[in-house]
Amino acid sequence: MTYFEKPSQQMAFLSDFHIEFFRTIKLMEHTEAAARALGLSVKLEAVTDSAEIAKYGVMSTPALVIQETVVSSGKVLTQEEAAKLLEPLAQGKA
């Protein structure tokens, strides 16, 4: 998990860590880099509990959840793709 000094937004990464470990780590790295590039202060959390993942209705991991909404699942976003999803937060529209 990565914690920034002053968390203002929370993001969760849903994953079966035993199967998707490297893909989840890459997704987290790309999302963290995108957030920093946009000047966002975020709290990143890896969620690996199957029951918790099921609550989100995610069928394919890794998945990215921003403000309790699944915004991506089943793929590793590039930094650019993650930045597009984070732009509304940076602009204060979310």
PDB file of N, CA and C in Angstrom:
ATOM      1  N   MET A   1       0.831  -1.170   0.000  1.00  0.00           N
ATOM      2  CA  MET A   1       0.000   0.000   0.000  1.00  0.00           C
ATOM      3  C   MET A   1       0.878   1.237   0.000  1.00  0.00           C
ATOM      4  N   THR A   2       0.389   2.266  -0.638  1.00  0.00           N
ATOM      5  CA  THR A   2       1.095   3.527  -0.688  1.00  0.00           C
ATOM      6  C   THR A   2       0.213   4.593  -0.074  1.00  0.00           C
ATOM      7  N   TYR A   3       0.777   5.353   0.809  1.00  0.00           N
ATOM      8  CA  TYR A   3       0.039   6.447   1.410  1.00  0.00           C
ATOM      9  C   TYR A   3       0.772   7.747   1.140  1.00  0.00           C
ATOM     10  N   PHE A   4       0.067   8.742   0.612  1.00  0.00           N
ATOM     11  CA  PHE A   4       0.635  10.054   0.425  1.00  0.00           C
ATOM     12  C   PHE A   4       0.469  10.804   1.747  1.00  0.00           C
ATOM     13  N   GLU A   5       1.193  11.906   1.916  1.00  0.00           N
ATOM     14  CA  GLU A   5       1.165  12.623   3.175  1.00  0.00           C
ATOM     15  C   GLU A   5      -0.233  13.105   3.578  1.00  0.00           C
ATOM     16  N   LYS A   6      -0.958  13.709   2.663  1.00  0.00           N
ATOM     17  CA  LYS A   6      -2.283  14.238   2.975  1.00  0.00           C
ATOM     18  C   LYS A   6      -3.311  13.616   2.037  1.00  0.00           C
ATOM     19  N   PRO A   7      -3.849  12.442   2.391  1.00  0.00           N
ATOM     20  CA  PRO A   7      -4.786  11.798   1.487  1.00  0.00           C
ATOM     21  C   PRO A   7      -6.053  12.627   1.287  1.00  0.00           C
ATOM     22  N   SER A   8      -6.428  12.801   0.033  1.00  0.00           N
ATOM     23  CA  SER A   8      -7.661  13.517  -0.256  1.00  0.00           C
ATOM     24  C   SER A   8      -8.617  12.635  -1.048  1.00  0.00           C
ATOM     25  N   GLN A   9      -8.116  11.657  -1.730  1.00  0.00           N
ATOM     26  CA  GLN A   9      -8.936  10.739  -2.503  1.00  0.00           C
ATOM     27  C   GLN A   9      -8.484   9.318  -2.177  1.00  0.00           C
ATOM     28  N   GLN A  10      -9.417   8.392  -2.138  1.00  0.00           N
ATOM     29  CA  GLN A  10      -9.057   7.003  -1.874  1.00  0.00           C
ATOM     30  C   GLN A  10      -9.313   6.162  -3.107  1.00  0.00           C
ATOM     31  N   MET A  11      -8.347   5.304  -3.412  1.00  0.00           N
ATOM     32  CA  MET A  11      -8.473   4.383  -4.533  1.00  0.00           C
ATOM     33  C   MET A  11      -8.171   2.984  -4.042  1.00  0.00           C
ATOM     34  N   ALA A  12      -8.897   2.028  -4.546  1.00  0.00           N
ATOM     35  CA  ALA A  12      -8.659   0.642  -4.180  1.00  0.00           C
ATOM     36  C   ALA A  12      -8.337  -0.151  -5.432  1.00  0.00           C
ATOM     37  N   PHE A  13      -7.466  -1.112  -5.262  1.00  0.00           N
ATOM     38  CA  PHE A  13      -7.089  -2.025  -6.330  1.00  0.00           C
ATOM     39  C   PHE A  13      -7.554  -3.398  -5.910  1.00  0.00           C
ATOM     40  N   LEU A  14      -8.486  -3.964  -6.657  1.00  0.00           N
ATOM     41  CA  LEU A  14      -9.041  -5.268  -6.325  1.00  0.00           C
ATOM     42  C   LEU A  14      -8.287  -6.334  -7.080  1.00  0.00           C
ATOM     43  N   SER A  15      -7.824  -7.354  -6.344  1.00  0.00           N
ATOM     44  CA  SER A  15      -7.041  -8.375  -7.017  1.00  0.00           C
ATOM     45  C   SER A  15      -6.962  -9.661  -6.227  1.00  0.00           C
ATOM     46  N   ASP A  16      -6.942 -10.769  -6.953  1.00  0.00           N
ATOM     47  CA  ASP A  16      -6.548 -12.039  -6.358  1.00  0.00           C
ATOM     48  C   ASP A  16      -5.032 -12.011  -6.421  1.00  0.00           C
ATOM     49  N   PHE A  17      -4.408 -11.569  -5.352  1.00  0.00           N
ATOM     50  CA  PHE A  17      -2.968 -11.314  -5.362  1.00  0.00           C
ATOM     51  C   PHE A  17      -2.149 -12.554  -5.710  1.00  0.00           C
ATOM     52  N   HIS A  18      -2.664 -13.724  -5.416  1.00  0.00           N
ATOM     53  CA  HIS A  18      -1.908 -14.945  -5.731  1.00  0.00           C
ATOM     54  C   HIS A  18      -1.781 -15.149  -7.237  1.00  0.00           C
ATOM     55  N   ILE A  19      -2.823 -14.753  -7.973  1.00  0.00           N
ATOM     56  CA  ILE A  19      -2.843 -14.965  -9.420  1.00  0.00           C
ATOM     57  C   ILE A  19      -2.401 -13.720 -10.178  1.00  0.00           C
ATOM     58  N   GLU A  20      -2.826 -12.560  -9.725  1.00  0.00           N
ATOM     59  CA  GLU A  20      -2.643 -11.307 -10.463  1.00  0.00           C
ATOM     60  C   GLU A  20      -1.598 -10.378  -9.849  1.00  0.00           C
ATOM     61  N   PHE A  21      -0.682 -10.893  -9.047  1.00  0.00           N
ATOM     62  CA  PHE A  21       0.253 -10.052  -8.303  1.00  0.00           C
ATOM     63  C   PHE A  21       0.976  -9.035  -9.179  1.00  0.00           C
ATOM     64  N   PHE A  22       1.650  -9.473 -10.208  1.00  0.00           N
ATOM     65  CA  PHE A  22       2.458  -8.561 -11.025  1.00  0.00           C
ATOM     66  C   PHE A  22       1.591  -7.571 -11.803  1.00  0.00           C
ATOM     67  N   ARG A  23       0.453  -8.019 -12.291  1.00  0.00           N
ATOM     68  CA  ARG A  23      -0.449  -7.111 -13.019  1.00  0.00           C
ATOM     69  C   ARG A  23      -1.008  -6.044 -12.078  1.00  0.00           C
ATOM     70  N   THR A  24      -1.331  -6.442 -10.855  1.00  0.00           N
ATOM     71  CA  THR A  24      -1.863  -5.480  -9.879  1.00  0.00           C
ATOM     72  C   THR A  24      -0.801  -4.457  -9.485  1.00  0.00           C
ATOM     73  N   ILE A  25       0.408  -4.907  -9.269  1.00  0.00           N
ATOM     74  CA  ILE A  25       1.504  -3.992  -8.919  1.00  0.00           C
ATOM     75  C   ILE A  25       1.714  -2.986 -10.044  1.00  0.00           C
ATOM     76  N   LYS A  26       1.694  -3.436 -11.288  1.00  0.00           N
ATOM     77  CA  LYS A  26       1.859  -2.527 -12.436  1.00  0.00           C
ATOM     78  C   LYS A  26       0.714  -1.512 -12.479  1.00  0.00           C
ATOM     79  N   LEU A  27      -0.513  -1.963 -12.277  1.00  0.00           N
ATOM     80  CA  LEU A  27      -1.653  -1.053 -12.272  1.00  0.00           C
ATOM     81  C   LEU A  27      -1.488  -0.009 -11.173  1.00  0.00           C
ATOM     82  N   MET A  28      -1.058  -0.429 -10.002  1.00  0.00           N
ATOM     83  CA  MET A  28      -0.844   0.507  -8.892  1.00  0.00           C
ATOM     84  C   MET A  28       0.254   1.510  -9.236  1.00  0.00           C
ATOM     85  N   GLU A  29       1.339   1.042  -9.812  1.00  0.00           N
ATOM     86  CA  GLU A  29       2.446   1.940 -10.178  1.00  0.00           C
ATOM     87  C   GLU A  29       2.000   2.970 -11.210  1.00  0.00           C
ATOM     88  N   HIS A  30       1.273   2.513 -12.219  1.00  0.00           N
ATOM     89  CA  HIS A  30       0.819   3.426 -13.271  1.00  0.00           C
ATOM     90  C   HIS A  30      -0.175   4.454 -12.719  1.00  0.00           C
ATOM     91  N   THR A  31      -1.061   4.013 -11.844  1.00  0.00           N
ATOM     92  CA  THR A  31      -2.053   4.916 -11.270  1.00  0.00           C
ATOM     93  C   THR A  31      -1.397   5.918 -10.326  1.00  0.00           C
ATOM     94  N   GLU A  32      -0.451   5.451  -9.534  1.00  0.00           N
ATOM     95  CA  GLU A  32       0.272   6.352  -8.625  1.00  0.00           C
ATOM     96  C   GLU A  32       1.038   7.406  -9.423  1.00  0.00           C
ATOM     97  N   ALA A  33       1.707   6.992 -10.491  1.00  0.00           N
ATOM     98  CA  ALA A  33       2.454   7.933 -11.331  1.00  0.00           C
ATOM     99  C   ALA A  33       1.516   8.956 -11.974  1.00  0.00           C
ATOM    100  N   ALA A  34       0.363   8.506 -12.424  1.00  0.00           N
ATOM    101  CA  ALA A  34      -0.621   9.412 -13.035  1.00  0.00           C
ATOM    102  C   ALA A  34      -1.126  10.419 -12.003  1.00  0.00           C
ATOM    103  N   ALA A  35      -1.409   9.948 -10.805  1.00  0.00           N
ATOM    104  CA  ALA A  35      -1.894  10.837  -9.744  1.00  0.00           C
ATOM    105  C   ALA A  35      -0.850  11.897  -9.408  1.00  0.00           C
ATOM    106  N   ARG A  36       0.386  11.481  -9.278  1.00  0.00           N
ATOM    107  CA  ARG A  36       1.460  12.448  -8.982  1.00  0.00           C
ATOM    108  C   ARG A  36       1.602  13.466 -10.108  1.00  0.00           C
ATOM    109  N   ALA A  37       1.539  13.003 -11.345  1.00  0.00           N
ATOM    110  CA  ALA A  37       1.683  13.905 -12.496  1.00  0.00           C
ATOM    111  C   ALA A  37       0.558  14.940 -12.537  1.00  0.00           C
ATOM    112  N   LEU A  38      -0.619  14.555 -12.039  1.00  0.00           N
ATOM    113  CA  LEU A  38      -1.757  15.472 -12.013  1.00  0.00           C
ATOM    114  C   LEU A  38      -1.800  16.312 -10.734  1.00  0.00           C
ATOM    115  N   GLY A  39      -0.842  16.069  -9.844  1.00  0.00           N
ATOM    116  CA  GLY A  39      -0.792  16.821  -8.593  1.00  0.00           C
ATOM    117  C   GLY A  39      -1.824  16.379  -7.570  1.00  0.00           C
ATOM    118  N   LEU A  40      -2.312  15.149  -7.701  1.00  0.00           N
ATOM    119  CA  LEU A  40      -3.310  14.626  -6.774  1.00  0.00           C
ATOM    120  C   LEU A  40      -2.661  13.983  -5.569  1.00  0.00           C
ATOM    121  N   SER A  41      -3.280  14.150  -4.441  1.00  0.00           N
ATOM    122  CA  SER A  41      -2.876  13.479  -3.222  1.00  0.00           C
ATOM    123  C   SER A  41      -3.877  12.348  -3.004  1.00  0.00           C
ATOM    124  N   VAL A  42      -3.406  11.114  -3.039  1.00  0.00           N
ATOM    125  CA  VAL A  42      -4.316   9.970  -2.956  1.00  0.00           C
ATOM    126  C   VAL A  42      -3.819   8.936  -1.964  1.00  0.00           C
ATOM    127  N   LYS A  43      -4.748   8.080  -1.543  1.00  0.00           N
ATOM    128  CA  LYS A  43      -4.429   6.925  -0.715  1.00  0.00           C
ATOM    129  C   LYS A  43      -4.729   5.698  -1.554  1.00  0.00           C
ATOM    130  N   LEU A  44      -3.730   4.856  -1.747  1.00  0.00           N
ATOM    131  CA  LEU A  44      -3.903   3.640  -2.534  1.00  0.00           C
ATOM    132  C   LEU A  44      -3.994   2.450  -1.595  1.00  0.00           C
ATOM    133  N   GLU A  45      -4.913   1.556  -1.878  1.00  0.00           N
ATOM    134  CA  GLU A  45      -5.124   0.388  -1.038  1.00  0.00           C
ATOM    135  C   GLU A  45      -5.353  -0.838  -1.904  1.00  0.00           C
ATOM    136  N   ALA A  46      -4.659  -1.922  -1.587  1.00  0.00           N
ATOM    137  CA  ALA A  46      -4.866  -3.189  -2.296  1.00  0.00           C
ATOM    138  C   ALA A  46      -5.894  -4.008  -1.521  1.00  0.00           C
ATOM    139  N   VAL A  47      -6.946  -4.419  -2.206  1.00  0.00           N
ATOM    140  CA  VAL A  47      -7.993  -5.245  -1.606  1.00  0.00           C
ATOM    141  C   VAL A  47      -7.867  -6.636  -2.199  1.00  0.00           C
ATOM    142  N   THR A  48      -7.614  -7.616  -1.349  1.00  0.00           N
ATOM    143  CA  THR A  48      -7.395  -8.979  -1.841  1.00  0.00           C
ATOM    144  C   THR A  48      -8.439  -9.978  -1.323  1.00  0.00           C
ATOM    145  N   ASP A  49      -9.321  -9.528  -0.461  1.00  0.00           N
ATOM    146  CA  ASP A  49     -10.343 -10.406   0.094  1.00  0.00           C
ATOM    147  C   ASP A  49     -11.428 -10.667  -0.950  1.00  0.00           C
ATOM    148  N   SER A  50     -11.661 -11.943  -1.276  1.00  0.00           N
ATOM    149  CA  SER A  50     -12.627 -12.289  -2.325  1.00  0.00           C
ATOM    150  C   SER A  50     -14.030 -11.787  -2.025  1.00  0.00           C
ATOM    151  N   ALA A  51     -14.444 -11.836  -0.778  1.00  0.00           N
ATOM    152  CA  ALA A  51     -15.783 -11.367  -0.424  1.00  0.00           C
ATOM    153  C   ALA A  51     -15.900  -9.863  -0.662  1.00  0.00           C
ATOM    154  N   GLU A  52     -14.872  -9.120  -0.328  1.00  0.00           N
ATOM    155  CA  GLU A  52     -14.872  -7.674  -0.539  1.00  0.00           C
ATOM    156  C   GLU A  52     -14.887  -7.348  -2.033  1.00  0.00           C
ATOM    157  N   ILE A  53     -14.102  -8.097  -2.806  1.00  0.00           N
ATOM    158  CA  ILE A  53     -14.075  -7.898  -4.260  1.00  0.00           C
ATOM    159  C   ILE A  53     -15.454  -8.182  -4.857  1.00  0.00           C
ATOM    160  N   ALA A  54     -16.107  -9.231  -4.367  1.00  0.00           N
ATOM    161  CA  ALA A  54     -17.436  -9.605  -4.869  1.00  0.00           C
ATOM    162  C   ALA A  54     -18.462  -8.504  -4.623  1.00  0.00           C
ATOM    163  N   LYS A  55     -18.301  -7.741  -3.546  1.00  0.00           N
ATOM    164  CA  LYS A  55     -19.229  -6.643  -3.245  1.00  0.00           C
ATOM    165  C   LYS A  55     -19.242  -5.595  -4.365  1.00  0.00           C
ATOM    166  N   TYR A  56     -18.127  -5.480  -5.067  1.00  0.00           N
ATOM    167  CA  TYR A  56     -18.031  -4.518  -6.165  1.00  0.00           C
ATOM    168  C   TYR A  56     -18.548  -5.090  -7.485  1.00  0.00           C
ATOM    169  N   GLY A  57     -18.842  -6.388  -7.512  1.00  0.00           N
ATOM    170  CA  GLY A  57     -19.328  -7.024  -8.728  1.00  0.00           C
ATOM    171  C   GLY A  57     -18.242  -7.243  -9.776  1.00  0.00           C
ATOM    172  N   VAL A  58     -17.003  -7.240  -9.346  1.00  0.00           N
ATOM    173  CA  VAL A  58     -15.876  -7.404 -10.266  1.00  0.00           C
ATOM    174  C   VAL A  58     -15.696  -8.880 -10.593  1.00  0.00           C
ATOM    175  N   MET A  59     -15.670  -9.175 -11.888  1.00  0.00           N
ATOM    176  CA  MET A  59     -15.499 -10.552 -12.335  1.00  0.00           C
ATOM    177  C   MET A  59     -14.078 -10.813 -12.833  1.00  0.00           C
ATOM    178  N   SER A  60     -13.354  -9.754 -13.141  1.00  0.00           N
ATOM    179  CA  SER A  60     -12.019  -9.899 -13.693  1.00  0.00           C
ATOM    180  C   SER A  60     -11.086  -8.886 -13.034  1.00  0.00           C
ATOM    181  N   THR A  61      -9.971  -9.388 -12.517  1.00  0.00           N
ATOM    182  CA  THR A  61      -9.001  -8.512 -11.865  1.00  0.00           C
ATOM    183  C   THR A  61      -7.731  -8.430 -12.708  1.00  0.00           C
ATOM    184  N   PRO A  62      -6.920  -7.412 -12.479  1.00  0.00           N
ATOM    185  CA  PRO A  62      -7.046  -6.392 -11.449  1.00  0.00           C
ATOM    186  C   PRO A  62      -8.114  -5.377 -11.812  1.00  0.00           C
ATOM    187  N   ALA A  63      -8.610  -4.695 -10.793  1.00  0.00           N
ATOM    188  CA  ALA A  63      -9.627  -3.666 -10.999  1.00  0.00           C
ATOM    189  C   ALA A  63      -9.230  -2.414 -10.229  1.00  0.00           C
ATOM    190  N   LEU A  64      -9.662  -1.279 -10.728  1.00  0.00           N
ATOM    191  CA  LEU A  64      -9.394   0.000 -10.083  1.00  0.00           C
ATOM    192  C   LEU A  64     -10.719   0.610  -9.642  1.00  0.00           C
ATOM    193  N   VAL A  65     -10.780   0.987  -8.378  1.00  0.00           N
ATOM    194  CA  VAL A  65     -11.969   1.596  -7.802  1.00  0.00           C
ATOM    195  C   VAL A  65     -11.593   2.996  -7.340  1.00  0.00           C
ATOM    196  N   ILE A  66     -12.348   3.987  -7.813  1.00  0.00           N
ATOM    197  CA  ILE A  66     -12.133   5.365  -7.387  1.00  0.00           C
ATOM    198  C   ILE A  66     -13.425   5.851  -6.755  1.00  0.00           C
ATOM    199  N   GLN A  67     -13.333   6.304  -5.520  1.00  0.00           N
ATOM    200  CA  GLN A  67     -14.493   6.801  -4.776  1.00  0.00           C
ATOM    201  C   GLN A  67     -15.639   5.799  -4.824  1.00  0.00           C
ATOM    202  N   GLU A  68     -15.321   4.548  -4.534  1.00  0.00           N
ATOM    203  CA  GLU A  68     -16.296   3.456  -4.455  1.00  0.00           C
ATOM    204  C   GLU A  68     -16.944   3.082  -5.783  1.00  0.00           C
ATOM    205  N   THR A  69     -16.367   3.520  -6.900  1.00  0.00           N
ATOM    206  CA  THR A  69     -16.883   3.170  -8.220  1.00  0.00           C
ATOM    207  C   THR A  69     -15.813   2.420  -9.002  1.00  0.00           C
ATOM    208  N   VAL A  70     -16.164   1.259  -9.537  1.00  0.00           N
ATOM    209  CA  VAL A  70     -15.225   0.498 -10.369  1.00  0.00           C
ATOM    210  C   VAL A  70     -15.092   1.243 -11.693  1.00  0.00           C
ATOM    211  N   VAL A  71     -13.865   1.671 -12.005  1.00  0.00           N
ATOM    212  CA  VAL A  71     -13.639   2.423 -13.245  1.00  0.00           C
ATOM    213  C   VAL A  71     -12.882   1.598 -14.281  1.00  0.00           C
ATOM    214  N   SER A  72     -12.299   0.491 -13.853  1.00  0.00           N
ATOM    215  CA  SER A  72     -11.577  -0.389 -14.781  1.00  0.00           C
ATOM    216  C   SER A  72     -11.461  -1.769 -14.155  1.00  0.00           C
ATOM    217  N   SER A  73     -11.585  -2.794 -14.979  1.00  0.00           N
ATOM    218  CA  SER A  73     -11.341  -4.153 -14.476  1.00  0.00           C
ATOM    219  C   SER A  73     -10.835  -5.035 -15.603  1.00  0.00           C
ATOM    220  N   GLY A  74     -10.019  -5.989 -15.223  1.00  0.00           N
ATOM    221  CA  GLY A  74      -9.531  -6.980 -16.170  1.00  0.00           C
ATOM    222  C   GLY A  74      -8.351  -6.554 -17.016  1.00  0.00           C
ATOM    223  N   LYS A  75      -7.776  -5.380 -16.733  1.00  0.00           N
ATOM    224  CA  LYS A  75      -6.618  -4.971 -17.527  1.00  0.00           C
ATOM    225  C   LYS A  75      -5.705  -4.081 -16.702  1.00  0.00           C
ATOM    226  N   VAL A  76      -4.471  -3.985 -17.164  1.00  0.00           N
ATOM    227  CA  VAL A  76      -3.505  -3.077 -16.559  1.00  0.00           C
ATOM    228  C   VAL A  76      -3.534  -1.788 -17.374  1.00  0.00           C
ATOM    229  N   LEU A  77      -4.026  -0.737 -16.760  1.00  0.00           N
ATOM    230  CA  LEU A  77      -4.065   0.553 -17.440  1.00  0.00           C
ATOM    231  C   LEU A  77      -2.660   1.108 -17.618  1.00  0.00           C
ATOM    232  N   THR A  78      -2.433   1.816 -18.707  1.00  0.00           N
ATOM    233  CA  THR A  78      -1.182   2.550 -18.859  1.00  0.00           C
ATOM    234  C   THR A  78      -1.285   3.788 -17.968  1.00  0.00           C
ATOM    235  N   GLN A  79      -0.179   4.479 -17.779  1.00  0.00           N
ATOM    236  CA  GLN A  79      -0.209   5.707 -17.000  1.00  0.00           C
ATOM    237  C   GLN A  79      -1.145   6.729 -17.656  1.00  0.00           C
ATOM    238  N   GLU A  80      -1.122   6.785 -18.972  1.00  0.00           N
ATOM    239  CA  GLU A  80      -1.970   7.727 -19.698  1.00  0.00           C
ATOM    240  C   GLU A  80      -3.454   7.393 -19.522  1.00  0.00           C
ATOM    241  N   GLU A  81      -3.797   6.106 -19.579  1.00  0.00           N
ATOM    242  CA  GLU A  81      -5.189   5.693 -19.378  1.00  0.00           C
ATOM    243  C   GLU A  81      -5.646   6.022 -17.958  1.00  0.00           C
ATOM    244  N   ALA A  82      -4.785   5.764 -16.990  1.00  0.00           N
ATOM    245  CA  ALA A  82      -5.112   6.076 -15.595  1.00  0.00           C
ATOM    246  C   ALA A  82      -5.298   7.576 -15.424  1.00  0.00           C
ATOM    247  N   ALA A  83      -4.447   8.366 -16.073  1.00  0.00           N
ATOM    248  CA  ALA A  83      -4.539   9.827 -15.967  1.00  0.00           C
ATOM    249  C   ALA A  83      -5.886  10.324 -16.486  1.00  0.00           C
ATOM    250  N   LYS A  84      -6.386   9.732 -17.560  1.00  0.00           N
ATOM    251  CA  LYS A  84      -7.689  10.147 -18.105  1.00  0.00           C
ATOM    252  C   LYS A  84      -8.809   9.896 -17.094  1.00  0.00           C
ATOM    253  N   LEU A  85      -8.708   8.788 -16.357  1.00  0.00           N
ATOM    254  CA  LEU A  85      -9.719   8.483 -15.349  1.00  0.00           C
ATOM    255  C   LEU A  85      -9.595   9.397 -14.128  1.00  0.00           C
ATOM    256  N   LEU A  86      -8.394   9.891 -13.871  1.00  0.00           N
ATOM    257  CA  LEU A  86      -8.152  10.734 -12.709  1.00  0.00           C
ATOM    258  C   LEU A  86      -8.359  12.224 -12.985  1.00  0.00           C
ATOM    259  N   GLU A  87      -8.418  12.605 -14.236  1.00  0.00           N
ATOM    260  CA  GLU A  87      -8.548  14.026 -14.586  1.00  0.00           C
ATOM    261  C   GLU A  87      -9.730  14.718 -13.900  1.00  0.00           C
ATOM    262  N   PRO A  88     -10.920  14.100 -13.815  1.00  0.00           N
ATOM    263  CA  PRO A  88     -12.016  14.785 -13.123  1.00  0.00           C
ATOM    264  C   PRO A  88     -11.679  15.098 -11.661  1.00  0.00           C
ATOM    265  N   LEU A  89     -10.908  14.228 -11.005  1.00  0.00           N
ATOM    266  CA  LEU A  89     -10.497  14.497  -9.627  1.00  0.00           C
ATOM    267  C   LEU A  89      -9.565  15.693  -9.574  1.00  0.00           C
ATOM    268  N   ALA A  90      -8.656  15.758 -10.525  1.00  0.00           N
ATOM    269  CA  ALA A  90      -7.689  16.860 -10.570  1.00  0.00           C
ATOM    270  C   ALA A  90      -8.378  18.189 -10.858  1.00  0.00           C
ATOM    271  N   GLN A  91      -9.475  18.127 -11.614  1.00  0.00           N
ATOM    272  CA  GLN A  91     -10.204  19.341 -11.967  1.00  0.00           C
ATOM    273  C   GLN A  91     -11.291  19.670 -10.938  1.00  0.00           C
ATOM    274  N   GLY A  92     -11.369  18.841  -9.901  1.00  0.00           N
ATOM    275  CA  GLY A  92     -12.354  19.082  -8.858  1.00  0.00           C
ATOM    276  C   GLY A  92     -13.785  18.787  -9.253  1.00  0.00           C
ATOM    277  N   LYS A  93     -13.956  17.948 -10.273  1.00  0.00           N
ATOM    278  CA  LYS A  93     -15.306  17.638 -10.765  1.00  0.00           C
ATOM    279  C   LYS A  93     -15.850  16.329 -10.199  1.00  0.00           C
ATOM    280  N   ALA A  94     -15.066  15.681  -9.353  1.00  0.00           N
ATOM    281  CA  ALA A  94     -15.532  14.405  -8.818  1.00  0.00           C
ATOM    282  C   ALA A  94     -15.706  14.491  -7.324  1.00  0.00           C
TER     283      ALA A  94
END
